[in-house]
mmCIF file of all heavy atoms, coordinates in Angstrom:
data_MODEL
# 
_entry.id   MODEL 
# 
loop_
_atom_site.group_PDB 
_atom_site.id 
_atom_site.type_symbol 
_atom_site.label_atom_id 
_atom_site.label_alt_id 
_atom_site.label_comp_id 
_atom_site.label_asym_id 
_atom_site.label_entity_id 
_atom_site.label_seq_id 
_atom_site.pdbx_PDB_ins_code 
_atom_site.Cartn_x 
_atom_site.Cartn_y 
_atom_site.Cartn_z 
_atom_site.occupancy 
_atom_site.B_iso_or_equiv 
_atom_site.pdbx_formal_charge 
_atom_site.auth_seq_id 
_atom_site.auth_comp_id 
_atom_site.auth_asym_id 
_atom_site.auth_atom_id 
_atom_site.pdbx_PDB_model_num 
ATOM 1   N N   . VAL A 1 1  ? -12.650 -23.908 -7.199  1.00 0.00 ? 1  VAL A N   1 
ATOM 2   C CA  . VAL A 1 1  ? -12.464 -23.135 -8.428  1.00 0.00 ? 1  VAL A CA  1 
ATOM 3   C C   . VAL A 1 1  ? -13.134 -23.859 -9.597  1.00 0.00 ? 1  VAL A C   1 
ATOM 4   O O   . VAL A 1 1  ? -13.829 -23.242 -10.416 1.00 0.00 ? 1  VAL A O   1 
ATOM 5   C CB  . VAL A 1 1  ? -10.963 -22.893 -8.700  1.00 0.00 ? 1  VAL A CB  1 
ATOM 6   C CG1 . VAL A 1 1  ? -10.740 -22.335 -10.095 1.00 0.00 ? 1  VAL A CG1 1 
ATOM 7   C CG2 . VAL A 1 1  ? -10.383 -21.943 -7.653  1.00 0.00 ? 1  VAL A CG2 1 
ATOM 8   N N   . GLU A 1 2  ? -12.951 -25.160 -9.675  1.00 0.00 ? 2  GLU A N   1 
ATOM 9   C CA  . GLU A 1 2  ? -13.553 -25.945 -10.759 1.00 0.00 ? 2  GLU A CA  1 
ATOM 10  C C   . GLU A 1 2  ? -15.078 -25.875 -10.715 1.00 0.00 ? 2  GLU A C   1 
ATOM 11  O O   . GLU A 1 2  ? -15.731 -25.733 -11.754 1.00 0.00 ? 2  GLU A O   1 
ATOM 12  C CB  . GLU A 1 2  ? -13.086 -27.394 -10.689 1.00 0.00 ? 2  GLU A CB  1 
ATOM 13  C CG  . GLU A 1 2  ? -13.707 -28.295 -11.738 1.00 0.00 ? 2  GLU A CG  1 
ATOM 14  C CD  . GLU A 1 2  ? -13.552 -27.810 -13.164 1.00 0.00 ? 2  GLU A CD  1 
ATOM 15  O OE1 . GLU A 1 2  ? -12.523 -27.165 -13.480 1.00 0.00 ? 2  GLU A OE1 1 
ATOM 16  O OE2 . GLU A 1 2  ? -14.465 -28.062 -13.981 1.00 0.00 ? 2  GLU A OE2 1 
ATOM 17  N N   . ARG A 1 3  ? -15.645 -25.960 -9.545  1.00 0.00 ? 3  ARG A N   1 
ATOM 18  C CA  . ARG A 1 3  ? -17.111 -25.868 -9.426  1.00 0.00 ? 3  ARG A CA  1 
ATOM 19  C C   . ARG A 1 3  ? -17.612 -24.504 -9.912  1.00 0.00 ? 3  ARG A C   1 
ATOM 20  O O   . ARG A 1 3  ? -18.624 -24.416 -10.599 1.00 0.00 ? 3  ARG A O   1 
ATOM 21  C CB  . ARG A 1 3  ? -17.546 -26.092 -7.986  1.00 0.00 ? 3  ARG A CB  1 
ATOM 22  C CG  . ARG A 1 3  ? -17.403 -27.524 -7.548  1.00 0.00 ? 3  ARG A CG  1 
ATOM 23  C CD  . ARG A 1 3  ? -17.786 -27.662 -6.101  1.00 0.00 ? 3  ARG A CD  1 
ATOM 24  N NE  . ARG A 1 3  ? -17.454 -28.973 -5.606  1.00 0.00 ? 3  ARG A NE  1 
ATOM 25  C CZ  . ARG A 1 3  ? -18.157 -29.609 -4.696  1.00 0.00 ? 3  ARG A CZ  1 
ATOM 26  N NH1 . ARG A 1 3  ? -19.216 -29.040 -4.163  1.00 0.00 ? 3  ARG A NH1 1 
ATOM 27  N NH2 . ARG A 1 3  ? -17.791 -30.798 -4.293  1.00 0.00 ? 3  ARG A NH2 1 
ATOM 28  N N   . ALA A 1 4  ? -16.912 -23.446 -9.539  1.00 0.00 ? 4  ALA A N   1 
ATOM 29  C CA  . ALA A 1 4  ? -17.308 -22.106 -9.990  1.00 0.00 ? 4  ALA A CA  1 
ATOM 30  C C   . ALA A 1 4  ? -17.204 -22.009 -11.512 1.00 0.00 ? 4  ALA A C   1 
ATOM 31  O O   . ALA A 1 4  ? -18.094 -21.457 -12.168 1.00 0.00 ? 4  ALA A O   1 
ATOM 32  C CB  . ALA A 1 4  ? -16.442 -21.048 -9.309  1.00 0.00 ? 4  ALA A CB  1 
ATOM 33  N N   . ARG A 1 5  ? -16.127 -22.541 -12.075 1.00 0.00 ? 5  ARG A N   1 
ATOM 34  C CA  . ARG A 1 5  ? -15.951 -22.509 -13.531 1.00 0.00 ? 5  ARG A CA  1 
ATOM 35  C C   . ARG A 1 5  ? -17.068 -23.246 -14.248 1.00 0.00 ? 5  ARG A C   1 
ATOM 36  O O   . ARG A 1 5  ? -17.567 -22.781 -15.274 1.00 0.00 ? 5  ARG A O   1 
ATOM 37  C CB  . ARG A 1 5  ? -14.612 -23.140 -13.908 1.00 0.00 ? 5  ARG A CB  1 
ATOM 38  C CG  . ARG A 1 5  ? -13.450 -22.225 -13.758 1.00 0.00 ? 5  ARG A CG  1 
ATOM 39  C CD  . ARG A 1 5  ? -12.228 -22.872 -14.371 1.00 0.00 ? 5  ARG A CD  1 
ATOM 40  N NE  . ARG A 1 5  ? -11.069 -22.058 -14.087 1.00 0.00 ? 5  ARG A NE  1 
ATOM 41  C CZ  . ARG A 1 5  ? -9.869  -22.519 -13.838 1.00 0.00 ? 5  ARG A CZ  1 
ATOM 42  N NH1 . ARG A 1 5  ? -9.644  -23.821 -13.844 1.00 0.00 ? 5  ARG A NH1 1 
ATOM 43  N NH2 . ARG A 1 5  ? -8.871  -21.712 -13.599 1.00 0.00 ? 5  ARG A NH2 1 
ATOM 44  N N   . ARG A 1 6  ? -17.435 -24.422 -13.728 1.00 0.00 ? 6  ARG A N   1 
ATOM 45  C CA  . ARG A 1 6  ? -18.494 -25.221 -14.355 1.00 0.00 ? 6  ARG A CA  1 
ATOM 46  C C   . ARG A 1 6  ? -19.806 -24.443 -14.446 1.00 0.00 ? 6  ARG A C   1 
ATOM 47  O O   . ARG A 1 6  ? -20.598 -24.660 -15.353 1.00 0.00 ? 6  ARG A O   1 
ATOM 48  C CB  . ARG A 1 6  ? -18.745 -26.498 -13.562 1.00 0.00 ? 6  ARG A CB  1 
ATOM 49  C CG  . ARG A 1 6  ? -18.001 -27.682 -14.085 1.00 0.00 ? 6  ARG A CG  1 
ATOM 50  C CD  . ARG A 1 6  ? -18.440 -28.905 -13.366 1.00 0.00 ? 6  ARG A CD  1 
ATOM 51  N NE  . ARG A 1 6  ? -18.142 -28.683 -11.944 1.00 0.00 ? 6  ARG A NE  1 
ATOM 52  C CZ  . ARG A 1 6  ? -18.129 -29.602 -11.019 1.00 0.00 ? 6  ARG A CZ  1 
ATOM 53  N NH1 . ARG A 1 6  ? -18.443 -30.829 -11.306 1.00 0.00 ? 6  ARG A NH1 1 
ATOM 54  N NH2 . ARG A 1 6  ? -17.822 -29.323 -9.781  1.00 0.00 ? 6  ARG A NH2 1 
ATOM 55  N N   . HIS A 1 7  ? -20.022 -23.548 -13.497 1.00 0.00 ? 7  HIS A N   1 
ATOM 56  C CA  . HIS A 1 7  ? -21.262 -22.771 -13.459 1.00 0.00 ? 7  HIS A CA  1 
ATOM 57  C C   . HIS A 1 7  ? -21.054 -21.343 -13.962 1.00 0.00 ? 7  HIS A C   1 
ATOM 58  O O   . HIS A 1 7  ? -21.929 -20.494 -13.796 1.00 0.00 ? 7  HIS A O   1 
ATOM 59  C CB  . HIS A 1 7  ? -21.836 -22.761 -12.040 1.00 0.00 ? 7  HIS A CB  1 
ATOM 60  C CG  . HIS A 1 7  ? -22.280 -24.117 -11.593 1.00 0.00 ? 7  HIS A CG  1 
ATOM 61  N ND1 . HIS A 1 7  ? -23.452 -24.691 -12.008 1.00 0.00 ? 7  HIS A ND1 1 
ATOM 62  C CD2 . HIS A 1 7  ? -21.684 -25.031 -10.795 1.00 0.00 ? 7  HIS A CD2 1 
ATOM 63  C CE1 . HIS A 1 7  ? -23.579 -25.889 -11.476 1.00 0.00 ? 7  HIS A CE1 1 
ATOM 64  N NE2 . HIS A 1 7  ? -22.513 -26.121 -10.731 1.00 0.00 ? 7  HIS A NE2 1 
ATOM 65  N N   . ASN A 1 8  ? -19.904 -21.094 -14.586 1.00 0.00 ? 8  ASN A N   1 
ATOM 66  C CA  . ASN A 1 8  ? -19.611 -19.760 -15.128 1.00 0.00 ? 8  ASN A CA  1 
ATOM 67  C C   . ASN A 1 8  ? -19.741 -18.660 -14.088 1.00 0.00 ? 8  ASN A C   1 
ATOM 68  O O   . ASN A 1 8  ? -20.290 -17.602 -14.361 1.00 0.00 ? 8  ASN A O   1 
ATOM 69  C CB  . ASN A 1 8  ? -20.538 -19.457 -16.298 1.00 0.00 ? 8  ASN A CB  1 
ATOM 70  C CG  . ASN A 1 8  ? -19.806 -19.460 -17.604 1.00 0.00 ? 8  ASN A CG  1 
ATOM 71  O OD1 . ASN A 1 8  ? -18.584 -19.572 -17.639 1.00 0.00 ? 8  ASN A OD1 1 
ATOM 72  N ND2 . ASN A 1 8  ? -20.556 -19.348 -18.674 1.00 0.00 ? 8  ASN A ND2 1 
ATOM 73  N N   . ARG A 1 9  ? -19.244 -18.924 -12.883 1.00 0.00 ? 9  ARG A N   1 
ATOM 74  C CA  . ARG A 1 9  ? -19.363 -17.976 -11.782 1.00 0.00 ? 9  ARG A CA  1 
ATOM 75  C C   . ARG A 1 9  ? -17.985 -17.464 -11.384 1.00 0.00 ? 9  ARG A C   1 
ATOM 76  O O   . ARG A 1 9  ? -17.002 -18.212 -11.425 1.00 0.00 ? 9  ARG A O   1 
ATOM 77  C CB  . ARG A 1 9  ? -20.014 -18.647 -10.561 1.00 0.00 ? 9  ARG A CB  1 
ATOM 78  C CG  . ARG A 1 9  ? -21.380 -19.278 -10.819 1.00 0.00 ? 9  ARG A CG  1 
ATOM 79  C CD  . ARG A 1 9  ? -22.435 -18.280 -11.179 1.00 0.00 ? 9  ARG A CD  1 
ATOM 80  N NE  . ARG A 1 9  ? -22.613 -17.375 -10.058 1.00 0.00 ? 9  ARG A NE  1 
ATOM 81  C CZ  . ARG A 1 9  ? -23.045 -16.131 -10.162 1.00 0.00 ? 9  ARG A CZ  1 
ATOM 82  N NH1 . ARG A 1 9  ? -23.383 -15.653 -11.316 1.00 0.00 ? 9  ARG A NH1 1 
ATOM 83  N NH2 . ARG A 1 9  ? -23.169 -15.381 -9.104  1.00 0.00 ? 9  ARG A NH2 1 
ATOM 84  N N   . PRO A 1 10 ? -17.890 -16.211 -10.975 1.00 0.00 ? 10 PRO A N   1 
ATOM 85  C CA  . PRO A 1 10 ? -16.617 -15.723 -10.426 1.00 0.00 ? 10 PRO A CA  1 
ATOM 86  C C   . PRO A 1 10 ? -16.373 -16.366 -9.067  1.00 0.00 ? 10 PRO A C   1 
ATOM 87  O O   . PRO A 1 10 ? -17.307 -16.817 -8.403  1.00 0.00 ? 10 PRO A O   1 
ATOM 88  C CB  . PRO A 1 10 ? -16.851 -14.213 -10.293 1.00 0.00 ? 10 PRO A CB  1 
ATOM 89  C CG  . PRO A 1 10 ? -18.331 -14.067 -10.167 1.00 0.00 ? 10 PRO A CG  1 
ATOM 90  C CD  . PRO A 1 10 ? -18.947 -15.201 -10.953 1.00 0.00 ? 10 PRO A CD  1 
ATOM 91  N N   . ILE A 1 11 ? -15.107 -16.402 -8.678  1.00 0.00 ? 11 ILE A N   1 
ATOM 92  C CA  . ILE A 1 11 ? -14.763 -16.943 -7.354  1.00 0.00 ? 11 ILE A CA  1 
ATOM 93  C C   . ILE A 1 11 ? -13.698 -16.052 -6.728  1.00 0.00 ? 11 ILE A C   1 
ATOM 94  O O   . ILE A 1 11 ? -12.620 -15.853 -7.292  1.00 0.00 ? 11 ILE A O   1 
ATOM 95  C CB  . ILE A 1 11 ? -14.328 -18.420 -7.423  1.00 0.00 ? 11 ILE A CB  1 
ATOM 96  C CG1 . ILE A 1 11 ? -14.057 -18.971 -6.025  1.00 0.00 ? 11 ILE A CG1 1 
ATOM 97  C CG2 . ILE A 1 11 ? -13.180 -18.631 -8.381  1.00 0.00 ? 11 ILE A CG2 1 
ATOM 98  C CD1 . ILE A 1 11 ? -13.955 -20.480 -5.953  1.00 0.00 ? 11 ILE A CD1 1 
ATOM 99  N N   . ALA A 1 12 ? -14.033 -15.469 -5.607  1.00 0.00 ? 12 ALA A N   1 
ATOM 100 C CA  . ALA A 1 12 ? -13.131 -14.549 -4.915  1.00 0.00 ? 12 ALA A CA  1 
ATOM 101 C C   . ALA A 1 12 ? -12.639 -15.183 -3.621  1.00 0.00 ? 12 ALA A C   1 
ATOM 102 O O   . ALA A 1 12 ? -13.378 -15.887 -2.942  1.00 0.00 ? 12 ALA A O   1 
ATOM 103 C CB  . ALA A 1 12 ? -13.845 -13.235 -4.606  1.00 0.00 ? 12 ALA A CB  1 
ATOM 104 N N   . ALA A 1 13 ? -11.384 -14.932 -3.303  1.00 0.00 ? 13 ALA A N   1 
ATOM 105 C CA  . ALA A 1 13 ? -10.798 -15.411 -2.048  1.00 0.00 ? 13 ALA A CA  1 
ATOM 106 C C   . ALA A 1 13 ? -10.637 -14.231 -1.097  1.00 0.00 ? 13 ALA A C   1 
ATOM 107 O O   . ALA A 1 13 ? -10.179 -13.158 -1.505  1.00 0.00 ? 13 ALA A O   1 
ATOM 108 C CB  . ALA A 1 13 ? -9.440  -16.053 -2.308  1.00 0.00 ? 13 ALA A CB  1 
ATOM 109 N N   . LEU A 1 14 ? -11.015 -14.446 0.141   1.00 0.00 ? 14 LEU A N   1 
ATOM 110 C CA  . LEU A 1 14 ? -10.718 -13.480 1.203   1.00 0.00 ? 14 LEU A CA  1 
ATOM 111 C C   . LEU A 1 14 ? -9.551  -14.059 1.968   1.00 0.00 ? 14 LEU A C   1 
ATOM 112 O O   . LEU A 1 14 ? -9.637  -15.165 2.508   1.00 0.00 ? 14 LEU A O   1 
ATOM 113 C CB  . LEU A 1 14 ? -11.922 -13.294 2.129   1.00 0.00 ? 14 LEU A CB  1 
ATOM 114 C CG  . LEU A 1 14 ? -13.188 -12.768 1.479   1.00 0.00 ? 14 LEU A CG  1 
ATOM 115 C CD1 . LEU A 1 14 ? -14.291 -12.641 2.519   1.00 0.00 ? 14 LEU A CD1 1 
ATOM 116 C CD2 . LEU A 1 14 ? -12.940 -11.435 0.803   1.00 0.00 ? 14 LEU A CD2 1 
ATOM 117 N N   . ARG A 1 15 ? -8.463  -13.330 2.024   1.00 0.00 ? 15 ARG A N   1 
ATOM 118 C CA  . ARG A 1 15 ? -7.225  -13.833 2.624   1.00 0.00 ? 15 ARG A CA  1 
ATOM 119 C C   . ARG A 1 15 ? -7.013  -13.173 3.981   1.00 0.00 ? 15 ARG A C   1 
ATOM 120 O O   . ARG A 1 15 ? -6.720  -11.989 4.073   1.00 0.00 ? 15 ARG A O   1 
ATOM 121 C CB  . ARG A 1 15 ? -6.061  -13.534 1.687   1.00 0.00 ? 15 ARG A CB  1 
ATOM 122 C CG  . ARG A 1 15 ? -4.790  -14.204 2.039   1.00 0.00 ? 15 ARG A CG  1 
ATOM 123 C CD  . ARG A 1 15 ? -3.778  -14.024 0.888   1.00 0.00 ? 15 ARG A CD  1 
ATOM 124 N NE  . ARG A 1 15 ? -2.543  -14.687 1.199   1.00 0.00 ? 15 ARG A NE  1 
ATOM 125 C CZ  . ARG A 1 15 ? -1.494  -14.088 1.756   1.00 0.00 ? 15 ARG A CZ  1 
ATOM 126 N NH1 . ARG A 1 15 ? -1.547  -12.798 2.035   1.00 0.00 ? 15 ARG A NH1 1 
ATOM 127 N NH2 . ARG A 1 15 ? -0.408  -14.763 2.032   1.00 0.00 ? 15 ARG A NH2 1 
ATOM 128 N N   . PHE A 1 16 ? -7.173  -13.969 5.033   1.00 0.00 ? 16 PHE A N   1 
ATOM 129 C CA  . PHE A 1 16 ? -6.930  -13.531 6.411   1.00 0.00 ? 16 PHE A CA  1 
ATOM 130 C C   . PHE A 1 16 ? -5.627  -14.187 6.845   1.00 0.00 ? 16 PHE A C   1 
ATOM 131 O O   . PHE A 1 16 ? -5.502  -15.405 6.757   1.00 0.00 ? 16 PHE A O   1 
ATOM 132 C CB  . PHE A 1 16 ? -8.028  -14.040 7.348   1.00 0.00 ? 16 PHE A CB  1 
ATOM 133 C CG  . PHE A 1 16 ? -9.397  -13.522 7.048   1.00 0.00 ? 16 PHE A CG  1 
ATOM 134 C CD1 . PHE A 1 16 ? -10.175 -14.094 6.049   1.00 0.00 ? 16 PHE A CD1 1 
ATOM 135 C CD2 . PHE A 1 16 ? -9.924  -12.469 7.776   1.00 0.00 ? 16 PHE A CD2 1 
ATOM 136 C CE1 . PHE A 1 16 ? -11.451 -13.632 5.789   1.00 0.00 ? 16 PHE A CE1 1 
ATOM 137 C CE2 . PHE A 1 16 ? -11.202 -12.002 7.516   1.00 0.00 ? 16 PHE A CE2 1 
ATOM 138 C CZ  . PHE A 1 16 ? -11.969 -12.583 6.520   1.00 0.00 ? 16 PHE A CZ  1 
ATOM 139 N N   . LEU A 1 17 ? -4.682  -13.416 7.330   1.00 0.00 ? 17 LEU A N   1 
ATOM 140 C CA  . LEU A 1 17 ? -3.429  -14.037 7.745   1.00 0.00 ? 17 LEU A CA  1 
ATOM 141 C C   . LEU A 1 17 ? -2.842  -13.317 8.958   1.00 0.00 ? 17 LEU A C   1 
ATOM 142 O O   . LEU A 1 17 ? -1.951  -12.491 8.846   1.00 0.00 ? 17 LEU A O   1 
ATOM 143 C CB  . LEU A 1 17 ? -2.418  -14.048 6.600   1.00 0.00 ? 17 LEU A CB  1 
ATOM 144 C CG  . LEU A 1 17 ? -1.193  -14.911 6.839   1.00 0.00 ? 17 LEU A CG  1 
ATOM 145 C CD1 . LEU A 1 17 ? -1.575  -16.377 7.060   1.00 0.00 ? 17 LEU A CD1 1 
ATOM 146 C CD2 . LEU A 1 17 ? -0.241  -14.812 5.667   1.00 0.00 ? 17 LEU A CD2 1 
ATOM 147 N N   . PRO A 1 18 ? -3.352  -13.635 10.156  1.00 0.00 ? 18 PRO A N   1 
ATOM 148 C CA  . PRO A 1 18 ? -2.747  -13.051 11.361  1.00 0.00 ? 18 PRO A CA  1 
ATOM 149 C C   . PRO A 1 18 ? -1.364  -13.647 11.599  1.00 0.00 ? 18 PRO A C   1 
ATOM 150 O O   . PRO A 1 18 ? -1.020  -14.689 11.025  1.00 0.00 ? 18 PRO A O   1 
ATOM 151 C CB  . PRO A 1 18 ? -3.724  -13.444 12.473  1.00 0.00 ? 18 PRO A CB  1 
ATOM 152 C CG  . PRO A 1 18 ? -4.489  -14.599 11.947  1.00 0.00 ? 18 PRO A CG  1 
ATOM 153 C CD  . PRO A 1 18 ? -4.463  -14.518 10.449  1.00 0.00 ? 18 PRO A CD  1 
ATOM 154 N N   . ASP A 1 19 ? -0.590  -13.000 12.429  1.00 0.00 ? 19 ASP A N   1 
ATOM 155 C CA  . ASP A 1 19 ? 0.729   -13.527 12.791  1.00 0.00 ? 19 ASP A CA  1 
ATOM 156 C C   . ASP A 1 19 ? 0.582   -14.897 13.430  1.00 0.00 ? 19 ASP A C   1 
ATOM 157 O O   . ASP A 1 19 ? -0.405  -15.179 14.116  1.00 0.00 ? 19 ASP A O   1 
ATOM 158 C CB  . ASP A 1 19 ? 1.425   -12.600 13.796  1.00 0.00 ? 19 ASP A CB  1 
ATOM 159 C CG  . ASP A 1 19 ? 1.813   -11.263 13.194  1.00 0.00 ? 19 ASP A CG  1 
ATOM 160 O OD1 . ASP A 1 19 ? 2.126   -11.217 11.998  1.00 0.00 ? 19 ASP A OD1 1 
ATOM 161 O OD2 . ASP A 1 19 ? 1.783   -10.273 13.948  1.00 0.00 ? 19 ASP A OD2 1 
ATOM 162 N N   . LEU A 1 20 ? 1.591   -15.741 13.229  1.00 0.00 ? 20 LEU A N   1 
ATOM 163 C CA  . LEU A 1 20 ? 1.573   -17.071 13.826  1.00 0.00 ? 20 LEU A CA  1 
ATOM 164 C C   . LEU A 1 20 ? 1.459   -16.981 15.342  1.00 0.00 ? 20 LEU A C   1 
ATOM 165 O O   . LEU A 1 20 ? 0.722   -17.755 15.958  1.00 0.00 ? 20 LEU A O   1 
ATOM 166 C CB  . LEU A 1 20 ? 2.823   -17.861 13.425  1.00 0.00 ? 20 LEU A CB  1 
ATOM 167 C CG  . LEU A 1 20 ? 2.942   -19.253 14.016  1.00 0.00 ? 20 LEU A CG  1 
ATOM 168 C CD1 . LEU A 1 20 ? 1.736   -20.114 13.648  1.00 0.00 ? 20 LEU A CD1 1 
ATOM 169 C CD2 . LEU A 1 20 ? 4.237   -19.903 13.567  1.00 0.00 ? 20 LEU A CD2 1 
ATOM 170 N N   . SER A 1 21 ? 2.142   -16.014 15.951  1.00 0.00 ? 21 SER A N   1 
ATOM 171 C CA  . SER A 1 21 ? 2.072   -15.876 17.411  1.00 0.00 ? 21 SER A CA  1 
ATOM 172 C C   . SER A 1 21 ? 0.640   -15.585 17.868  1.00 0.00 ? 21 SER A C   1 
ATOM 173 O O   . SER A 1 21 ? 0.193   -16.093 18.899  1.00 0.00 ? 21 SER A O   1 
ATOM 174 C CB  . SER A 1 21 ? 3.029   -14.792 17.902  1.00 0.00 ? 21 SER A CB  1 
ATOM 175 O OG  . SER A 1 21 ? 2.706   -13.549 17.317  1.00 0.00 ? 21 SER A OG  1 
ATOM 176 N N   . THR A 1 22 ? -0.099  -14.800 17.104  1.00 0.00 ? 22 THR A N   1 
ATOM 177 C CA  . THR A 1 22 ? -1.505  -14.519 17.417  1.00 0.00 ? 22 THR A CA  1 
ATOM 178 C C   . THR A 1 22 ? -2.331  -15.792 17.309  1.00 0.00 ? 22 THR A C   1 
ATOM 179 O O   . THR A 1 22 ? -3.171  -16.083 18.182  1.00 0.00 ? 22 THR A O   1 
ATOM 180 C CB  . THR A 1 22 ? -2.056  -13.442 16.465  1.00 0.00 ? 22 THR A CB  1 
ATOM 181 O OG1 . THR A 1 22 ? -1.291  -12.248 16.618  1.00 0.00 ? 22 THR A OG1 1 
ATOM 182 C CG2 . THR A 1 22 ? -3.519  -13.148 16.750  1.00 0.00 ? 22 THR A CG2 1 
ATOM 183 N N   . CYS A 1 23 ? -2.099  -16.572 16.257  1.00 0.00 ? 23 CYS A N   1 
ATOM 184 C CA  . CYS A 1 23 ? -2.836  -17.834 16.078  1.00 0.00 ? 23 CYS A CA  1 
ATOM 185 C C   . CYS A 1 23 ? -2.561  -18.789 17.238  1.00 0.00 ? 23 CYS A C   1 
ATOM 186 O O   . CYS A 1 23 ? -3.497  -19.405 17.769  1.00 0.00 ? 23 CYS A O   1 
ATOM 187 C CB  . CYS A 1 23 ? -2.428  -18.498 14.764  1.00 0.00 ? 23 CYS A CB  1 
ATOM 188 S SG  . CYS A 1 23 ? -2.888  -17.557 13.293  1.00 0.00 ? 23 CYS A SG  1 
ATOM 189 N N   . LEU A 1 24 ? -1.301  -18.908 17.616  1.00 0.00 ? 24 LEU A N   1 
ATOM 190 C CA  . LEU A 1 24 ? -0.947  -19.814 18.715  1.00 0.00 ? 24 LEU A CA  1 
ATOM 191 C C   . LEU A 1 24 ? -1.561  -19.354 20.035  1.00 0.00 ? 24 LEU A C   1 
ATOM 192 O O   . LEU A 1 24 ? -2.065  -20.168 20.812  1.00 0.00 ? 24 LEU A O   1 
ATOM 193 C CB  . LEU A 1 24 ? 0.573   -19.939 18.834  1.00 0.00 ? 24 LEU A CB  1 
ATOM 194 C CG  . LEU A 1 24 ? 1.265   -20.675 17.677  1.00 0.00 ? 24 LEU A CG  1 
ATOM 195 C CD1 . LEU A 1 24 ? 2.764   -20.465 17.730  1.00 0.00 ? 24 LEU A CD1 1 
ATOM 196 C CD2 . LEU A 1 24 ? 0.912   -22.154 17.692  1.00 0.00 ? 24 LEU A CD2 1 
ATOM 197 N N   . ALA A 1 25 ? -1.537  -18.047 20.279  1.00 0.00 ? 25 ALA A N   1 
ATOM 198 C CA  . ALA A 1 25 ? -2.115  -17.516 21.523  1.00 0.00 ? 25 ALA A CA  1 
ATOM 199 C C   . ALA A 1 25 ? -3.622  -17.732 21.570  1.00 0.00 ? 25 ALA A C   1 
ATOM 200 O O   . ALA A 1 25 ? -4.166  -18.146 22.599  1.00 0.00 ? 25 ALA A O   1 
ATOM 201 C CB  . ALA A 1 25 ? -1.784  -16.028 21.660  1.00 0.00 ? 25 ALA A CB  1 
# 
């Protein structure tokens, strides 16, 4: 975030969150 701010750039997050059981499998 700080690097983006220093360069006056937007910063977007893509949030992927599968179920824990899927991650473990």
